[in-house]
């Protein structure tokens, strides 16, 4: 699942580059690249929406914290911090 989000991020970064390139070639307020800009923007929105929904459904929902382990780890870190100050 994490790899899926990395791929979504890579595509969105590519779309951002295309949008930036299209915006740079808007001459005299007549931007012939507007269809490219709109398409890439809509694709990015769709990818991010679907990607986060799938990630939440398959990886986030149902997660529970291991409170005992978290407390033990935080106590160990605290002890190390105290020892390092001596």
PDB file of N, CA and C in Angstrom:
ATOM      1  N   UNK A   1       0.803  -1.196   0.000  1.00  0.00           N
ATOM      2  CA  UNK A   1       0.000   0.000   0.000  1.00  0.00           C
ATOM      3  C   UNK A   1       0.850   1.267   0.000  1.00  0.00           C
ATOM      4  N   UNK A   2       1.944   1.246   0.741  1.00  0.00           N
ATOM      5  CA  UNK A   2       2.802   2.435   0.772  1.00  0.00           C
ATOM      6  C   UNK A   2       3.386   2.708  -0.610  1.00  0.00           C
ATOM      7  N   UNK A   3       3.693   1.639  -1.331  1.00  0.00           N
ATOM      8  CA  UNK A   3       4.238   1.809  -2.676  1.00  0.00           C
ATOM      9  C   UNK A   3       3.215   2.480  -3.591  1.00  0.00           C
ATOM     10  N   UNK A   4       1.942   2.156  -3.374  1.00  0.00           N
ATOM     11  CA  UNK A   4       0.887   2.776  -4.168  1.00  0.00           C
ATOM     12  C   UNK A   4       0.866   4.283  -3.942  1.00  0.00           C
ATOM     13  N   UNK A   5       1.014   4.706  -2.688  1.00  0.00           N
ATOM     14  CA  UNK A   5       1.022   6.143  -2.404  1.00  0.00           C
ATOM     15  C   UNK A   5       2.264   6.822  -2.971  1.00  0.00           C
ATOM     16  N   UNK A   6       3.379   6.111  -2.999  1.00  0.00           N
ATOM     17  CA  UNK A   6       4.595   6.665  -3.608  1.00  0.00           C
ATOM     18  C   UNK A   6       4.376   6.876  -5.104  1.00  0.00           C
ATOM     19  N   UNK A   7       3.723   5.922  -5.750  1.00  0.00           N
ATOM     20  CA  UNK A   7       3.439   6.049  -7.183  1.00  0.00           C
ATOM     21  C   UNK A   7       2.472   7.198  -7.439  1.00  0.00           C
ATOM     22  N   UNK A   8       1.463   7.342  -6.574  1.00  0.00           N
ATOM     23  CA  UNK A   8       0.527   8.464  -6.705  1.00  0.00           C
ATOM     24  C   UNK A   8       1.289   9.780  -6.570  1.00  0.00           C
ATOM     25  N   UNK A   9       2.169   9.856  -5.572  1.00  0.00           N
ATOM     26  CA  UNK A   9       2.958  11.076  -5.376  1.00  0.00           C
ATOM     27  C   UNK A   9       3.838  11.397  -6.566  1.00  0.00           C
ATOM     28  N   UNK A  10       4.447  10.361  -7.145  1.00  0.00           N
ATOM     29  CA  UNK A  10       5.302  10.577  -8.321  1.00  0.00           C
ATOM     30  C   UNK A  10       4.492  11.121  -9.495  1.00  0.00           C
ATOM     31  N   UNK A  11       3.308  10.569  -9.694  1.00  0.00           N
ATOM     32  CA  UNK A  11       2.458  11.040 -10.795  1.00  0.00           C
ATOM     33  C   UNK A  11       1.998  12.472 -10.557  1.00  0.00           C
ATOM     34  N   UNK A  12       1.645  12.782  -9.322  1.00  0.00           N
ATOM     35  CA  UNK A  12       1.191  14.138  -8.996  1.00  0.00           C
ATOM     36  C   UNK A  12       2.331  15.143  -9.195  1.00  0.00           C
ATOM     37  N   UNK A  13       3.556  14.761  -8.833  1.00  0.00           N
ATOM     38  CA  UNK A  13       4.710  15.636  -9.062  1.00  0.00           C
ATOM     39  C   UNK A  13       4.903  15.867 -10.559  1.00  0.00           C
ATOM     40  N   UNK A  14       4.752  14.814 -11.362  1.00  0.00           N
ATOM     41  CA  UNK A  14       4.837  14.955 -12.819  1.00  0.00           C
ATOM     42  C   UNK A  14       3.741  15.853 -13.361  1.00  0.00           C
ATOM     43  N   UNK A  15       2.523  15.682 -12.841  1.00  0.00           N
ATOM     44  CA  UNK A  15       1.420  16.541 -13.267  1.00  0.00           C
ATOM     45  C   UNK A  15       1.691  17.996 -12.895  1.00  0.00           C
ATOM     46  N   UNK A  16       2.268  18.210 -11.721  1.00  0.00           N
ATOM     47  CA  UNK A  16       2.599  19.570 -11.301  1.00  0.00           C
ATOM     48  C   UNK A  16       3.606  20.201 -12.262  1.00  0.00           C
ATOM     49  N   UNK A  17       4.571  19.418 -12.699  1.00  0.00           N
ATOM     50  CA  UNK A  17       5.556  19.937 -13.654  1.00  0.00           C
ATOM     51  C   UNK A  17       4.881  20.323 -14.966  1.00  0.00           C
ATOM     52  N   UNK A  18       3.943  19.479 -15.423  1.00  0.00           N
ATOM     53  CA  UNK A  18       3.222  19.790 -16.663  1.00  0.00           C
ATOM     54  C   UNK A  18       2.361  21.035 -16.501  1.00  0.00           C
ATOM     55  N   UNK A  19       1.736  21.179 -15.333  1.00  0.00           N
ATOM     56  CA  UNK A  19       0.906  22.362 -15.070  1.00  0.00           C
ATOM     57  C   UNK A  19       1.779  23.617 -15.051  1.00  0.00           C
ATOM     58  N   UNK A  20       2.917  23.532 -14.409  1.00  0.00           N
ATOM     59  CA  UNK A  20       3.841  24.668 -14.347  1.00  0.00           C
ATOM     60  C   UNK A  20       4.336  25.052 -15.729  1.00  0.00           C
ATOM     61  N   UNK A  21       4.702  24.050 -16.510  1.00  0.00           N
ATOM     62  CA  UNK A  21       5.154  24.291 -17.874  1.00  0.00           C
ATOM     63  C   UNK A  21       4.045  24.949 -18.695  1.00  0.00           C
ATOM     64  N   UNK A  22       2.819  24.439 -18.563  1.00  0.00           N
ATOM     65  CA  UNK A  22       1.693  25.016 -19.301  1.00  0.00           C
ATOM     66  C   UNK A  22       1.409  26.447 -18.890  1.00  0.00           C
ATOM     67  N   UNK A  23       1.535  26.721 -17.598  1.00  0.00           N
ATOM     68  CA  UNK A  23       1.296  28.077 -17.112  1.00  0.00           C
ATOM     69  C   UNK A  23       2.356  29.059 -17.573  1.00  0.00           C
ATOM     70  N   UNK A  24       3.544  28.564 -17.806  1.00  0.00           N
ATOM     71  CA  UNK A  24       4.631  29.441 -18.240  1.00  0.00           C
ATOM     72  C   UNK A  24       4.467  29.885 -19.689  1.00  0.00           C
ATOM     73  N   UNK A  25       3.649  29.186 -20.453  1.00  0.00           N
ATOM     74  CA  UNK A  25       3.488  29.515 -21.866  1.00  0.00           C
ATOM     75  C   UNK A  25       2.134  30.135 -22.172  1.00  0.00           C
ATOM     76  N   UNK A  26       1.601  30.866 -21.195  1.00  0.00           N
ATOM     77  CA  UNK A  26       0.359  31.598 -21.422  1.00  0.00           C
ATOM     78  C   UNK A  26       0.664  32.974 -21.965  1.00  0.00           C
ATOM     79  N   UNK A  27       0.581  33.152 -23.262  1.00  0.00           N
ATOM     80  CA  UNK A  27       0.922  34.426 -23.889  1.00  0.00           C
ATOM     81  C   UNK A  27      -0.313  35.306 -24.042  1.00  0.00           C
ATOM     82  N   UNK A  28      -0.180  36.556 -23.633  1.00  0.00           N
ATOM     83  CA  UNK A  28      -1.228  37.559 -23.825  1.00  0.00           C
ATOM     84  C   UNK A  28      -2.569  37.125 -23.243  1.00  0.00           C
ATOM     85  N   UNK A  29      -2.528  36.483 -22.077  1.00  0.00           N
ATOM     86  CA  UNK A  29      -3.715  35.999 -21.387  1.00  0.00           C
ATOM     87  C   UNK A  29      -4.520  35.019 -22.231  1.00  0.00           C
ATOM     88  N   UNK A  30      -3.919  34.458 -23.248  1.00  0.00           N
ATOM     89  CA  UNK A  30      -4.560  33.426 -24.055  1.00  0.00           C
ATOM     90  C   UNK A  30      -3.724  32.172 -23.874  1.00  0.00           C
ATOM     91  N   UNK A  31      -4.156  31.345 -22.975  1.00  0.00           N
ATOM     92  CA  UNK A  31      -3.354  30.190 -22.636  1.00  0.00           C
ATOM     93  C   UNK A  31      -3.847  28.970 -23.409  1.00  0.00           C
ATOM     94  N   UNK A  32      -3.113  28.633 -24.451  1.00  0.00           N
ATOM     95  CA  UNK A  32      -3.488  27.481 -25.276  1.00  0.00           C
ATOM     96  C   UNK A  32      -3.209  26.168 -24.547  1.00  0.00           C
ATOM     97  N   UNK A  33      -2.496  26.247 -23.422  1.00  0.00           N
ATOM     98  CA  UNK A  33      -2.191  25.046 -22.645  1.00  0.00           C
ATOM     99  C   UNK A  33      -3.244  24.753 -21.576  1.00  0.00           C
ATOM    100  N   UNK A  34      -4.319  25.532 -21.540  1.00  0.00           N
ATOM    101  CA  UNK A  34      -5.350  25.356 -20.517  1.00  0.00           C
ATOM    102  C   UNK A  34      -5.921  23.939 -20.474  1.00  0.00           C
ATOM    103  N   UNK A  35      -6.163  23.268 -21.613  1.00  0.00           N
ATOM    104  CA  UNK A  35      -6.655  21.892 -21.542  1.00  0.00           C
ATOM    105  C   UNK A  35      -5.663  20.943 -20.857  1.00  0.00           C
ATOM    106  N   UNK A  36      -4.385  21.128 -21.106  1.00  0.00           N
ATOM    107  CA  UNK A  36      -3.356  20.303 -20.459  1.00  0.00           C
ATOM    108  C   UNK A  36      -3.330  20.581 -18.959  1.00  0.00           C
ATOM    109  N   UNK A  37      -3.427  21.857 -18.598  1.00  0.00           N
ATOM    110  CA  UNK A  37      -3.429  22.236 -17.189  1.00  0.00           C
ATOM    111  C   UNK A  37      -4.634  21.628 -16.490  1.00  0.00           C
ATOM    112  N   UNK A  38      -5.807  21.780 -17.080  1.00  0.00           N
ATOM    113  CA  UNK A  38      -7.038  21.259 -16.470  1.00  0.00           C
ATOM    114  C   UNK A  38      -6.997  19.744 -16.345  1.00  0.00           C
ATOM    115  N   UNK A  39      -6.554  19.070 -17.384  1.00  0.00           N
ATOM    116  CA  UNK A  39      -6.503  17.604 -17.360  1.00  0.00           C
ATOM    117  C   UNK A  39      -5.579  17.110 -16.254  1.00  0.00           C
ATOM    118  N   UNK A  40      -4.387  17.684 -16.162  1.00  0.00           N
ATOM    119  CA  UNK A  40      -3.426  17.244 -15.156  1.00  0.00           C
ATOM    120  C   UNK A  40      -3.878  17.590 -13.745  1.00  0.00           C
ATOM    121  N   UNK A  41      -4.506  18.736 -13.577  1.00  0.00           N
ATOM    122  CA  UNK A  41      -5.031  19.097 -12.266  1.00  0.00           C
ATOM    123  C   UNK A  41      -6.128  18.127 -11.837  1.00  0.00           C
ATOM    124  N   UNK A  42      -7.069  17.840 -12.729  1.00  0.00           N
ATOM    125  CA  UNK A  42      -8.154  16.916 -12.396  1.00  0.00           C
ATOM    126  C   UNK A  42      -7.627  15.508 -12.134  1.00  0.00           C
ATOM    127  N   UNK A  43      -6.625  15.080 -12.896  1.00  0.00           N
ATOM    128  CA  UNK A  43      -6.040  13.763 -12.667  1.00  0.00           C
ATOM    129  C   UNK A  43      -5.364  13.712 -11.302  1.00  0.00           C
ATOM    130  N   UNK A  44      -4.654  14.747 -10.928  1.00  0.00           N
ATOM    131  CA  UNK A  44      -3.996  14.786  -9.626  1.00  0.00           C
ATOM    132  C   UNK A  44      -5.011  14.731  -8.489  1.00  0.00           C
ATOM    133  N   UNK A  45      -6.074  15.502  -8.615  1.00  0.00           N
ATOM    134  CA  UNK A  45      -7.121  15.494  -7.585  1.00  0.00           C
ATOM    135  C   UNK A  45      -7.730  14.105  -7.460  1.00  0.00           C
ATOM    136  N   UNK A  46      -8.017  13.478  -8.588  1.00  0.00           N
ATOM    137  CA  UNK A  46      -8.606  12.137  -8.586  1.00  0.00           C
ATOM    138  C   UNK A  46      -7.660  11.108  -7.981  1.00  0.00           C
ATOM    139  N   UNK A  47      -6.387  11.153  -8.378  1.00  0.00           N
ATOM    140  CA  UNK A  47      -5.405  10.207  -7.842  1.00  0.00           C
ATOM    141  C   UNK A  47      -5.247  10.361  -6.337  1.00  0.00           C
ATOM    142  N   UNK A  48      -5.127  11.587  -5.870  1.00  0.00           N
ATOM    143  CA  UNK A  48      -4.956  11.812  -4.436  1.00  0.00           C
ATOM    144  C   UNK A  48      -6.197  11.392  -3.652  1.00  0.00           C
ATOM    145  N   UNK A  49      -7.364  11.683  -4.189  1.00  0.00           N
ATOM    146  CA  UNK A  49      -8.610  11.297  -3.520  1.00  0.00           C
ATOM    147  C   UNK A  49      -8.725   9.787  -3.418  1.00  0.00           C
ATOM    148  N   UNK A  50      -8.571   9.109  -4.539  1.00  0.00           N
ATOM    149  CA  UNK A  50      -8.708   7.651  -4.539  1.00  0.00           C
ATOM    150  C   UNK A  50      -7.591   6.979  -3.746  1.00  0.00           C
ATOM    151  N   UNK A  51      -6.376   7.477  -3.896  1.00  0.00           N
ATOM    152  CA  UNK A  51      -5.245   6.880  -3.194  1.00  0.00           C
ATOM    153  C   UNK A  51      -5.384   6.957  -1.684  1.00  0.00           C
ATOM    154  N   UNK A  52      -5.797   8.113  -1.176  1.00  0.00           N
ATOM    155  CA  UNK A  52      -5.943   8.247   0.273  1.00  0.00           C
ATOM    156  C   UNK A  52      -7.119   7.435   0.796  1.00  0.00           C
ATOM    157  N   UNK A  53      -8.187   7.335   0.024  1.00  0.00           N
ATOM    158  CA  UNK A  53      -9.330   6.507   0.447  1.00  0.00           C
ATOM    159  C   UNK A  53      -8.952   5.036   0.534  1.00  0.00           C
ATOM    160  N   UNK A  54      -8.254   4.540  -0.485  1.00  0.00           N
ATOM    161  CA  UNK A  54      -7.840   3.134  -0.477  1.00  0.00           C
ATOM    162  C   UNK A  54      -6.862   2.879   0.663  1.00  0.00           C
ATOM    163  N   UNK A  55      -5.905   3.777   0.854  1.00  0.00           N
ATOM    164  CA  UNK A  55      -4.929   3.616   1.929  1.00  0.00           C
ATOM    165  C   UNK A  55      -5.622   3.604   3.291  1.00  0.00           C
ATOM    166  N   UNK A  56      -6.551   4.515   3.482  1.00  0.00           N
ATOM    167  CA  UNK A  56      -7.267   4.568   4.760  1.00  0.00           C
ATOM    168  C   UNK A  56      -8.057   3.287   4.988  1.00  0.00           C
ATOM    169  N   UNK A  57      -8.756   2.820   3.964  1.00  0.00           N
ATOM    170  CA  UNK A  57      -9.598   1.630   4.107  1.00  0.00           C
ATOM    171  C   UNK A  57      -8.762   0.380   4.361  1.00  0.00           C
ATOM    172  N   UNK A  58      -7.644   0.240   3.685  1.00  0.00           N
ATOM    173  CA  UNK A  58      -6.877  -1.002   3.773  1.00  0.00           C
ATOM    174  C   UNK A  58      -5.752  -0.986   4.804  1.00  0.00           C
ATOM    175  N   UNK A  59      -5.316   0.198   5.224  1.00  0.00           N
ATOM    176  CA  UNK A  59      -4.162   0.245   6.132  1.00  0.00           C
ATOM    177  C   UNK A  59      -4.410   0.992   7.437  1.00  0.00           C
ATOM    178  N   UNK A  60      -5.310   1.950   7.454  1.00  0.00           N
ATOM    179  CA  UNK A  60      -5.463   2.780   8.639  1.00  0.00           C
ATOM    180  C   UNK A  60      -6.629   2.324   9.504  1.00  0.00           C
ATOM    181  N   UNK A  61      -7.762   2.031   8.883  1.00  0.00           N
ATOM    182  CA  UNK A  61      -8.936   1.615   9.636  1.00  0.00           C
ATOM    183  C   UNK A  61      -8.630   0.307  10.358  1.00  0.00           C
ATOM    184  N   UNK A  62      -8.892   0.288  11.633  1.00  0.00           N
ATOM    185  CA  UNK A  62      -8.666  -0.906  12.426  1.00  0.00           C
ATOM    186  C   UNK A  62      -7.344  -0.935  13.159  1.00  0.00           C
ATOM    187  N   UNK A  63      -6.486   0.046  12.909  1.00  0.00           N
ATOM    188  CA  UNK A  63      -5.221   0.095  13.641  1.00  0.00           C
ATOM    189  C   UNK A  63      -5.489   0.394  15.110  1.00  0.00           C
ATOM    190  N   UNK A  64      -4.770  -0.284  15.955  1.00  0.00           N
ATOM    191  CA  UNK A  64      -4.879  -0.025  17.379  1.00  0.00           C
ATOM    192  C   UNK A  64      -3.478   0.137  17.944  1.00  0.00           C
ATOM    193  N   UNK A  65      -3.341   1.071  18.836  1.00  0.00           N
ATOM    194  CA  UNK A  65      -2.041   1.316  19.463  1.00  0.00           C
ATOM    195  C   UNK A  65      -1.746   0.237  20.492  1.00  0.00           C
ATOM    196  N   UNK A  66      -0.496  -0.176  20.567  1.00  0.00           N
ATOM    197  CA  UNK A  66      -0.032  -1.093  21.604  1.00  0.00           C
ATOM    198  C   UNK A  66       0.441  -0.212  22.756  1.00  0.00           C
ATOM    199  N   UNK A  67      -0.487   0.095  23.652  1.00  0.00           N
ATOM    200  CA  UNK A  67      -0.237   1.057  24.718  1.00  0.00           C
ATOM    201  C   UNK A  67       0.890   0.581  25.631  1.00  0.00           C
ATOM    202  N   UNK A  68       0.900  -0.705  25.946  1.00  0.00           N
ATOM    203  CA  UNK A  68       1.936  -1.243  26.829  1.00  0.00           C
ATOM    204  C   UNK A  68       3.328  -1.053  26.217  1.00  0.00           C
ATOM    205  N   UNK A  69       3.473  -1.372  24.942  1.00  0.00           N
ATOM    206  CA  UNK A  69       4.754  -1.206  24.262  1.00  0.00           C
ATOM    207  C   UNK A  69       5.140   0.270  24.167  1.00  0.00           C
ATOM    208  N   UNK A  70       4.178   1.138  23.890  1.00  0.00           N
ATOM    209  CA  UNK A  70       4.455   2.568  23.789  1.00  0.00           C
ATOM    210  C   UNK A  70       4.927   3.122  25.134  1.00  0.00           C
ATOM    211  N   UNK A  71       4.278   2.708  26.212  1.00  0.00           N
ATOM    212  CA  UNK A  71       4.692   3.165  27.539  1.00  0.00           C
ATOM    213  C   UNK A  71       6.094   2.668  27.878  1.00  0.00           C
ATOM    214  N   UNK A  72       6.366   1.407  27.568  1.00  0.00           N
ATOM    215  CA  UNK A  72       7.680   0.839  27.854  1.00  0.00           C
ATOM    216  C   UNK A  72       8.766   1.575  27.062  1.00  0.00           C
ATOM    217  N   UNK A  73       8.502   1.814  25.783  1.00  0.00           N
ATOM    218  CA  UNK A  73       9.474   2.509  24.934  1.00  0.00           C
ATOM    219  C   UNK A  73       9.710   3.936  25.408  1.00  0.00           C
ATOM    220  N   UNK A  74       8.640   4.632  25.763  1.00  0.00           N
ATOM    221  CA  UNK A  74       8.806   6.018  26.226  1.00  0.00           C
ATOM    222  C   UNK A  74       9.573   6.056  27.540  1.00  0.00           C
ATOM    223  N   UNK A  75       9.361   5.085  28.413  1.00  0.00           N
ATOM    224  CA  UNK A  75      10.119   5.030  29.669  1.00  0.00           C
ATOM    225  C   UNK A  75      11.593   4.781  29.398  1.00  0.00           C
ATOM    226  N   UNK A  76      11.892   3.907  28.437  1.00  0.00           N
ATOM    227  CA  UNK A  76      13.288   3.630  28.092  1.00  0.00           C
ATOM    228  C   UNK A  76      13.964   4.874  27.511  1.00  0.00           C
ATOM    229  N   UNK A  77      13.255   5.578  26.657  1.00  0.00           N
ATOM    230  CA  UNK A  77      13.807   6.808  26.066  1.00  0.00           C
ATOM    231  C   UNK A  77      14.042   7.844  27.153  1.00  0.00           C
ATOM    232  N   UNK A  78      13.113   7.958  28.070  1.00  0.00           N
ATOM    233  CA  UNK A  78      13.243   8.916  29.170  1.00  0.00           C
ATOM    234  C   UNK A  78      14.457   8.581  30.034  1.00  0.00           C
ATOM    235  N   UNK A  79      14.637   7.294  30.329  1.00  0.00           N
ATOM    236  CA  UNK A  79      15.788   6.873  31.126  1.00  0.00           C
ATOM    237  C   UNK A  79      17.102   7.176  30.394  1.00  0.00           C
ATOM    238  N   UNK A  80      17.143   6.924  29.100  1.00  0.00           N
ATOM    239  CA  UNK A  80      18.344   7.232  28.325  1.00  0.00           C
ATOM    240  C   UNK A  80      18.644   8.724  28.332  1.00  0.00           C
ATOM    241  N   UNK A  81      17.600   9.531  28.222  1.00  0.00           N
ATOM    242  CA  UNK A  81      17.787  10.983  28.242  1.00  0.00           C
ATOM    243  C   UNK A  81      18.332  11.434  29.588  1.00  0.00           C
ATOM    244  N   UNK A  82      17.837  10.839  30.668  1.00  0.00           N
ATOM    245  CA  UNK A  82      18.326  11.213  31.989  1.00  0.00           C
ATOM    246  C   UNK A  82      19.778  10.781  32.166  1.00  0.00           C
ATOM    247  N   UNK A  83      20.125   9.588  31.689  1.00  0.00           N
ATOM    248  CA  UNK A  83      21.486   9.104  31.830  1.00  0.00           C
ATOM    249  C   UNK A  83      22.472   9.937  30.986  1.00  0.00           C
ATOM    250  N   UNK A  84      22.027  10.415  29.850  1.00  0.00           N
ATOM    251  CA  UNK A  84      22.916  11.186  28.986  1.00  0.00           C
ATOM    252  C   UNK A  84      23.231  12.560  29.556  1.00  0.00           C
ATOM    253  N   UNK A  85      22.432  13.038  30.478  1.00  0.00           N
ATOM    254  CA  UNK A  85      22.653  14.356  31.071  1.00  0.00           C
ATOM    255  C   UNK A  85      23.639  14.301  32.216  1.00  0.00           C
ATOM    256  N   UNK A  86      23.983  13.103  32.665  1.00  0.00           N
ATOM    257  CA  UNK A  86      24.887  12.983  33.819  1.00  0.00           C
ATOM    258  C   UNK A  86      26.325  13.094  33.421  1.00  0.00           C
TER     259      UNK A  86
END
